[in-house]
Amino acid sequence: MSQNNISTILMKALTIMNPKIKKSLRSTDLNDREDLEQEIKLRIVEAVLKGKIDYPPTFTQYHQSFIDNKSKVS
């Protein structure tokens, strides 16, 4: 994976997850929110760097893999 690709995936992952992170932090003690937010974002960065988070497939790609898997079972 190229550096530019990693940066793009990282920015998209953080952008997509940010509203959920903020919402979840509301149930956390006020004094711990900033530290917890940094820790969650660090885990997202680590997941991207380790290749656990990548571009999601398009609908067409997903549909084709579904058809391929279905034909293997039959």
PDB file of N, CA and C in Angstrom:
ATOM      1  N   MET A   1       0.851  -1.182   0.000  1.00  0.00           N
ATOM      2  CA  MET A   1       0.000   0.000   0.000  1.00  0.00           C
ATOM      3  C   MET A   1       0.894   1.241   0.000  1.00  0.00           C
ATOM      4  N   SER A   2       0.614   2.177  -0.874  1.00  0.00           N
ATOM      5  CA  SER A   2       1.439   3.371  -0.975  1.00  0.00           C
ATOM      6  C   SER A   2       1.128   4.340   0.170  1.00  0.00           C
ATOM      7  N   GLN A   3       2.061   5.239   0.409  1.00  0.00           N
ATOM      8  CA  GLN A   3       1.913   6.225   1.488  1.00  0.00           C
ATOM      9  C   GLN A   3       0.694   7.108   1.254  1.00  0.00           C
ATOM     10  N   ASN A   4       0.476   7.496   0.001  1.00  0.00           N
ATOM     11  CA  ASN A   4      -0.677   8.336  -0.334  1.00  0.00           C
ATOM     12  C   ASN A   4      -1.981   7.594  -0.081  1.00  0.00           C
ATOM     13  N   ASN A   5      -1.988   6.313  -0.420  1.00  0.00           N
ATOM     14  CA  ASN A   5      -3.160   5.473  -0.201  1.00  0.00           C
ATOM     15  C   ASN A   5      -3.458   5.352   1.295  1.00  0.00           C
ATOM     16  N   ILE A   6      -2.428   5.133   2.094  1.00  0.00           N
ATOM     17  CA  ILE A   6      -2.589   5.021   3.544  1.00  0.00           C
ATOM     18  C   ILE A   6      -3.136   6.318   4.118  1.00  0.00           C
ATOM     19  N   SER A   7      -2.597   7.439   3.664  1.00  0.00           N
ATOM     20  CA  SER A   7      -3.059   8.743   4.154  1.00  0.00           C
ATOM     21  C   SER A   7      -4.532   8.965   3.823  1.00  0.00           C
ATOM     22  N   THR A   8      -4.931   8.588   2.606  1.00  0.00           N
ATOM     23  CA  THR A   8      -6.321   8.755   2.192  1.00  0.00           C
ATOM     24  C   THR A   8      -7.240   7.883   3.031  1.00  0.00           C
ATOM     25  N   ILE A   9      -6.861   6.626   3.215  1.00  0.00           N
ATOM     26  CA  ILE A   9      -7.676   5.709   4.026  1.00  0.00           C
ATOM     27  C   ILE A   9      -7.765   6.213   5.455  1.00  0.00           C
ATOM     28  N   LEU A  10      -6.656   6.686   5.989  1.00  0.00           N
ATOM     29  CA  LEU A  10      -6.622   7.187   7.365  1.00  0.00           C
ATOM     30  C   LEU A  10      -7.539   8.386   7.536  1.00  0.00           C
ATOM     31  N   MET A  11      -7.480   9.324   6.616  1.00  0.00           N
ATOM     32  CA  MET A  11      -8.327  10.509   6.720  1.00  0.00           C
ATOM     33  C   MET A  11      -9.810  10.137   6.601  1.00  0.00           C
ATOM     34  N   LYS A  12     -10.133   9.218   5.682  1.00  0.00           N
ATOM     35  CA  LYS A  12     -11.532   8.800   5.534  1.00  0.00           C
ATOM     36  C   LYS A  12     -12.020   8.070   6.780  1.00  0.00           C
ATOM     37  N   ALA A  13     -11.181   7.200   7.326  1.00  0.00           N
ATOM     38  CA  ALA A  13     -11.577   6.445   8.515  1.00  0.00           C
ATOM     39  C   ALA A  13     -11.827   7.387   9.690  1.00  0.00           C
ATOM     40  N   LEU A  14     -10.934   8.339   9.896  1.00  0.00           N
ATOM     41  CA  LEU A  14     -11.109   9.281  11.011  1.00  0.00           C
ATOM     42  C   LEU A  14     -12.323  10.179  10.794  1.00  0.00           C
ATOM     43  N   THR A  15     -12.547  10.602   9.560  1.00  0.00           N
ATOM     44  CA  THR A  15     -13.697  11.453   9.252  1.00  0.00           C
ATOM     45  C   THR A  15     -15.008  10.705   9.477  1.00  0.00           C
ATOM     46  N   ILE A  16     -15.046   9.458   9.024  1.00  0.00           N
ATOM     47  CA  ILE A  16     -16.262   8.652   9.178  1.00  0.00           C
ATOM     48  C   ILE A  16     -16.526   8.340  10.648  1.00  0.00           C
ATOM     49  N   MET A  17     -15.491   8.030  11.401  1.00  0.00           N
ATOM     50  CA  MET A  17     -15.653   7.599  12.790  1.00  0.00           C
ATOM     51  C   MET A  17     -15.814   8.750  13.777  1.00  0.00           C
ATOM     52  N   ASN A  18     -15.416   9.952  13.400  1.00  0.00           N
ATOM     53  CA  ASN A  18     -15.429  11.071  14.344  1.00  0.00           C
ATOM     54  C   ASN A  18     -16.794  11.326  14.987  1.00  0.00           C
ATOM     55  N   PRO A  19     -17.903  11.362  14.243  1.00  0.00           N
ATOM     56  CA  PRO A  19     -19.198  11.584  14.910  1.00  0.00           C
ATOM     57  C   PRO A  19     -19.534  10.500  15.942  1.00  0.00           C
ATOM     58  N   LYS A  20     -19.226   9.241  15.623  1.00  0.00           N
ATOM     59  CA  LYS A  20     -19.486   8.144  16.556  1.00  0.00           C
ATOM     60  C   LYS A  20     -18.602   8.265  17.790  1.00  0.00           C
ATOM     61  N   ILE A  21     -17.355   8.650  17.592  1.00  0.00           N
ATOM     62  CA  ILE A  21     -16.440   8.833  18.720  1.00  0.00           C
ATOM     63  C   ILE A  21     -16.981   9.920  19.641  1.00  0.00           C
ATOM     64  N   LYS A  22     -17.359  11.062  19.055  1.00  0.00           N
ATOM     65  CA  LYS A  22     -17.883  12.183  19.856  1.00  0.00           C
ATOM     66  C   LYS A  22     -19.144  11.770  20.617  1.00  0.00           C
ATOM     67  N   LYS A  23     -20.026  11.046  19.953  1.00  0.00           N
ATOM     68  CA  LYS A  23     -21.267  10.618  20.603  1.00  0.00           C
ATOM     69  C   LYS A  23     -20.969   9.676  21.762  1.00  0.00           C
ATOM     70  N   SER A  24     -20.070   8.749  21.549  1.00  0.00           N
ATOM     71  CA  SER A  24     -19.722   7.784  22.590  1.00  0.00           C
ATOM     72  C   SER A  24     -19.032   8.457  23.779  1.00  0.00           C
ATOM     73  N   LEU A  25     -18.286   9.494  23.509  1.00  0.00           N
ATOM     74  CA  LEU A  25     -17.560  10.179  24.585  1.00  0.00           C
ATOM     75  C   LEU A  25     -18.497  10.940  25.527  1.00  0.00           C
ATOM     76  N   ARG A  26     -19.711  11.229  25.080  1.00  0.00           N
ATOM     77  CA  ARG A  26     -20.655  11.944  25.954  1.00  0.00           C
ATOM     78  C   ARG A  26     -21.000  11.142  27.198  1.00  0.00           C
ATOM     79  N   SER A  27     -20.889   9.823  27.107  1.00  0.00           N
ATOM     80  CA  SER A  27     -21.201   8.986  28.271  1.00  0.00           C
ATOM     81  C   SER A  27     -19.980   8.751  29.162  1.00  0.00           C
ATOM     82  N   THR A  28     -18.890   9.437  28.851  1.00  0.00           N
ATOM     83  CA  THR A  28     -17.648   9.298  29.611  1.00  0.00           C
ATOM     84  C   THR A  28     -17.472  10.502  30.524  1.00  0.00           C
ATOM     85  N   ASP A  29     -16.799  10.288  31.621  1.00  0.00           N
ATOM     86  CA  ASP A  29     -16.500  11.376  32.548  1.00  0.00           C
ATOM     87  C   ASP A  29     -15.794  12.512  31.816  1.00  0.00           C
ATOM     88  N   LEU A  30     -16.179  13.735  32.108  1.00  0.00           N
ATOM     89  CA  LEU A  30     -15.647  14.916  31.430  1.00  0.00           C
ATOM     90  C   LEU A  30     -14.121  14.976  31.481  1.00  0.00           C
ATOM     91  N   ASN A  31     -13.534  14.566  32.582  1.00  0.00           N
ATOM     92  CA  ASN A  31     -12.079  14.636  32.743  1.00  0.00           C
ATOM     93  C   ASN A  31     -11.341  13.616  31.877  1.00  0.00           C
ATOM     94  N   ASP A  32     -12.014  12.573  31.454  1.00  0.00           N
ATOM     95  CA  ASP A  32     -11.358  11.500  30.699  1.00  0.00           C
ATOM     96  C   ASP A  32     -11.605  11.581  29.193  1.00  0.00           C
ATOM     97  N   ARG A  33     -12.461  12.456  28.755  1.00  0.00           N
ATOM     98  CA  ARG A  33     -12.877  12.477  27.350  1.00  0.00           C
ATOM     99  C   ARG A  33     -11.727  12.713  26.378  1.00  0.00           C
ATOM    100  N   GLU A  34     -10.917  13.708  26.645  1.00  0.00           N
ATOM    101  CA  GLU A  34      -9.841  14.049  25.714  1.00  0.00           C
ATOM    102  C   GLU A  34      -8.841  12.896  25.586  1.00  0.00           C
ATOM    103  N   ASP A  35      -8.464  12.303  26.714  1.00  0.00           N
ATOM    104  CA  ASP A  35      -7.526  11.177  26.683  1.00  0.00           C
ATOM    105  C   ASP A  35      -8.118   9.989  25.933  1.00  0.00           C
ATOM    106  N   LEU A  36      -9.385   9.697  26.195  1.00  0.00           N
ATOM    107  CA  LEU A  36     -10.040   8.575  25.544  1.00  0.00           C
ATOM    108  C   LEU A  36     -10.182   8.809  24.039  1.00  0.00           C
ATOM    109  N   GLU A  37     -10.503  10.031  23.647  1.00  0.00           N
ATOM    110  CA  GLU A  37     -10.616  10.363  22.227  1.00  0.00           C
ATOM    111  C   GLU A  37      -9.283  10.144  21.515  1.00  0.00           C
ATOM    112  N   GLN A  38      -8.192  10.580  22.141  1.00  0.00           N
ATOM    113  CA  GLN A  38      -6.865  10.372  21.554  1.00  0.00           C
ATOM    114  C   GLN A  38      -6.539   8.887  21.443  1.00  0.00           C
ATOM    115  N   GLU A  39      -6.895   8.116  22.448  1.00  0.00           N
ATOM    116  CA  GLU A  39      -6.618   6.681  22.440  1.00  0.00           C
ATOM    117  C   GLU A  39      -7.417   5.975  21.334  1.00  0.00           C
ATOM    118  N   ILE A  40      -8.674   6.344  21.165  1.00  0.00           N
ATOM    119  CA  ILE A  40      -9.498   5.742  20.115  1.00  0.00           C
ATOM    120  C   ILE A  40      -8.927   6.074  18.740  1.00  0.00           C
ATOM    121  N   LYS A  41      -8.554   7.325  18.531  1.00  0.00           N
ATOM    122  CA  LYS A  41      -7.990   7.733  17.242  1.00  0.00           C
ATOM    123  C   LYS A  41      -6.644   7.050  16.994  1.00  0.00           C
ATOM    124  N   LEU A  42      -5.870   6.851  18.033  1.00  0.00           N
ATOM    125  CA  LEU A  42      -4.605   6.128  17.901  1.00  0.00           C
ATOM    126  C   LEU A  42      -4.858   4.693  17.448  1.00  0.00           C
ATOM    127  N   ARG A  43      -5.874   4.060  18.006  1.00  0.00           N
ATOM    128  CA  ARG A  43      -6.219   2.681  17.609  1.00  0.00           C
ATOM    129  C   ARG A  43      -6.660   2.624  16.146  1.00  0.00           C
ATOM    130  N   ILE A  44      -7.366   3.647  15.693  1.00  0.00           N
ATOM    131  CA  ILE A  44      -7.775   3.696  14.285  1.00  0.00           C
ATOM    132  C   ILE A  44      -6.545   3.822  13.396  1.00  0.00           C
ATOM    133  N   VAL A  45      -5.612   4.688  13.772  1.00  0.00           N
ATOM    134  CA  VAL A  45      -4.371   4.856  13.007  1.00  0.00           C
ATOM    135  C   VAL A  45      -3.610   3.534  12.956  1.00  0.00           C
ATOM    136  N   GLU A  46      -3.495   2.855  14.081  1.00  0.00           N
ATOM    137  CA  GLU A  46      -2.794   1.569  14.122  1.00  0.00           C
ATOM    138  C   GLU A  46      -3.479   0.543  13.224  1.00  0.00           C
ATOM    139  N   ALA A  47      -4.802   0.527  13.232  1.00  0.00           N
ATOM    140  CA  ALA A  47      -5.540  -0.429  12.400  1.00  0.00           C
ATOM    141  C   ALA A  47      -5.293  -0.161  10.919  1.00  0.00           C
ATOM    142  N   VAL A  48      -5.243   1.093  10.527  1.00  0.00           N
ATOM    143  CA  VAL A  48      -4.984   1.434   9.127  1.00  0.00           C
ATOM    144  C   VAL A  48      -3.558   1.025   8.753  1.00  0.00           C
ATOM    145  N   LEU A  49      -2.602   1.336   9.609  1.00  0.00           N
ATOM    146  CA  LEU A  49      -1.208   1.007   9.302  1.00  0.00           C
ATOM    147  C   LEU A  49      -0.965  -0.496   9.234  1.00  0.00           C
ATOM    148  N   LYS A  50      -1.712  -1.267  10.013  1.00  0.00           N
ATOM    149  CA  LYS A  50      -1.562  -2.726   9.989  1.00  0.00           C
ATOM    150  C   LYS A  50      -2.384  -3.370   8.876  1.00  0.00           C
ATOM    151  N   GLY A  51      -3.138  -2.555   8.133  1.00  0.00           N
ATOM    152  CA  GLY A  51      -3.919  -3.073   7.014  1.00  0.00           C
ATOM    153  C   GLY A  51      -5.249  -3.677   7.409  1.00  0.00           C
ATOM    154  N   LYS A  52      -5.688  -3.449   8.636  1.00  0.00           N
ATOM    155  CA  LYS A  52      -6.970  -3.998   9.078  1.00  0.00           C
ATOM    156  C   LYS A  52      -8.144  -3.168   8.564  1.00  0.00           C
ATOM    157  N   ILE A  53      -7.881  -1.926   8.195  1.00  0.00           N
ATOM    158  CA  ILE A  53      -8.902  -1.057   7.618  1.00  0.00           C
ATOM    159  C   ILE A  53      -8.420  -0.675   6.230  1.00  0.00           C
ATOM    160  N   ASP A  54      -9.257  -0.900   5.237  1.00  0.00           N
ATOM    161  CA  ASP A  54      -8.915  -0.612   3.854  1.00  0.00           C
ATOM    162  C   ASP A  54     -10.138   0.002   3.189  1.00  0.00           C
ATOM    163  N   TYR A  55     -10.026   0.304   1.908  1.00  0.00           N
ATOM    164  CA  TYR A  55     -11.180   0.822   1.193  1.00  0.00           C
ATOM    165  C   TYR A  55     -12.290  -0.226   1.197  1.00  0.00           C
ATOM    166  N   PRO A  56     -13.504   0.160   1.478  1.00  0.00           N
ATOM    167  CA  PRO A  56     -14.599  -0.809   1.378  1.00  0.00           C
ATOM    168  C   PRO A  56     -14.870  -1.117  -0.092  1.00  0.00           C
ATOM    169  N   PRO A  57     -15.393  -2.300  -0.380  1.00  0.00           N
ATOM    170  CA  PRO A  57     -15.690  -2.632  -1.776  1.00  0.00           C
ATOM    171  C   PRO A  57     -16.868  -1.811  -2.284  1.00  0.00           C
ATOM    172  N   THR A  58     -16.886  -1.588  -3.582  1.00  0.00           N
ATOM    173  CA  THR A  58     -18.053  -0.940  -4.182  1.00  0.00           C
ATOM    174  C   THR A  58     -19.186  -1.951  -4.199  1.00  0.00           C
ATOM    175  N   PHE A  59     -20.381  -1.495  -4.479  1.00  0.00           N
ATOM    176  CA  PHE A  59     -21.510  -2.415  -4.531  1.00  0.00           C
ATOM    177  C   PHE A  59     -21.284  -3.482  -5.599  1.00  0.00           C
ATOM    178  N   THR A  60     -20.759  -3.072  -6.737  1.00  0.00           N
ATOM    179  CA  THR A  60     -20.516  -4.022  -7.824  1.00  0.00           C
ATOM    180  C   THR A  60     -19.516  -5.095  -7.398  1.00  0.00           C
ATOM    181  N   GLN A  61     -18.438  -4.689  -6.729  1.00  0.00           N
ATOM    182  CA  GLN A  61     -17.448  -5.651  -6.241  1.00  0.00           C
ATOM    183  C   GLN A  61     -18.061  -6.591  -5.209  1.00  0.00           C
ATOM    184  N   TYR A  62     -18.846  -6.025  -4.300  1.00  0.00           N
ATOM    185  CA  TYR A  62     -19.500  -6.839  -3.280  1.00  0.00           C
ATOM    186  C   TYR A  62     -20.458  -7.840  -3.927  1.00  0.00           C
ATOM    187  N   HIS A  63     -21.254  -7.377  -4.857  1.00  0.00           N
ATOM    188  CA  HIS A  63     -22.221  -8.230  -5.537  1.00  0.00           C
ATOM    189  C   HIS A  63     -21.510  -9.364  -6.278  1.00  0.00           C
ATOM    190  N   GLN A  64     -20.418  -9.052  -6.959  1.00  0.00           N
ATOM    191  CA  GLN A  64     -19.677 -10.069  -7.689  1.00  0.00           C
ATOM    192  C   GLN A  64     -19.079 -11.111  -6.742  1.00  0.00           C
ATOM    193  N   SER A  65     -18.532 -10.660  -5.609  1.00  0.00           N
ATOM    194  CA  SER A  65     -17.977 -11.623  -4.650  1.00  0.00           C
ATOM    195  C   SER A  65     -19.085 -12.490  -4.050  1.00  0.00           C
ATOM    196  N   PHE A  66     -20.269 -11.930  -3.859  1.00  0.00           N
ATOM    197  CA  PHE A  66     -21.403 -12.691  -3.367  1.00  0.00           C
ATOM    198  C   PHE A  66     -21.793 -13.778  -4.363  1.00  0.00           C
ATOM    199  N   ILE A  67     -21.853 -13.412  -5.626  1.00  0.00           N
ATOM    200  CA  ILE A  67     -22.202 -14.376  -6.682  1.00  0.00           C
ATOM    201  C   ILE A  67     -21.129 -15.463  -6.775  1.00  0.00           C
ATOM    202  N   ASP A  68     -19.851 -15.043  -6.698  1.00  0.00           N
ATOM    203  CA  ASP A  68     -18.747 -16.027  -6.761  1.00  0.00           C
ATOM    204  C   ASP A  68     -18.811 -17.007  -5.596  1.00  0.00           C
ATOM    205  N   ASN A  69     -19.058 -16.499  -4.403  1.00  0.00           N
ATOM    206  CA  ASN A  69     -19.136 -17.356  -3.230  1.00  0.00           C
ATOM    207  C   ASN A  69     -20.353 -18.279  -3.284  1.00  0.00           C
ATOM    208  N   LYS A  70     -21.453 -17.772  -3.817  1.00  0.00           N
ATOM    209  CA  LYS A  70     -22.673 -18.569  -3.933  1.00  0.00           C
ATOM    210  C   LYS A  70     -22.465 -19.715  -4.917  1.00  0.00           C
ATOM    211  N   SER A  71     -21.748 -19.445  -6.013  1.00  0.00           N
ATOM    212  CA  SER A  71     -21.524 -20.496  -6.997  1.00  0.00           C
ATOM    213  C   SER A  71     -20.550 -21.560  -6.462  1.00  0.00           C
ATOM    214  N   LYS A  72     -19.664 -21.189  -5.561  1.00  0.00           N
ATOM    215  CA  LYS A  72     -18.745 -22.164  -4.946  1.00  0.00           C
ATOM    216  C   LYS A  72     -19.499 -23.135  -4.039  1.00  0.00           C
ATOM    217  N   VAL A  73     -20.512 -22.628  -3.352  1.00  0.00           N
ATOM    218  CA  VAL A  73     -21.299 -23.443  -2.417  1.00  0.00           C
ATOM    219  C   VAL A  73     -22.204 -24.400  -3.173  1.00  0.00           C
ATOM    220  N   SER A  74     -22.755 -23.945  -4.285  1.00  0.00           N
ATOM    221  CA  SER A  74     -23.706 -24.773  -5.053  1.00  0.00           C
ATOM    222  C   SER A  74     -23.052 -25.921  -5.754  1.00  0.00           C
TER     223      SER A  74
END
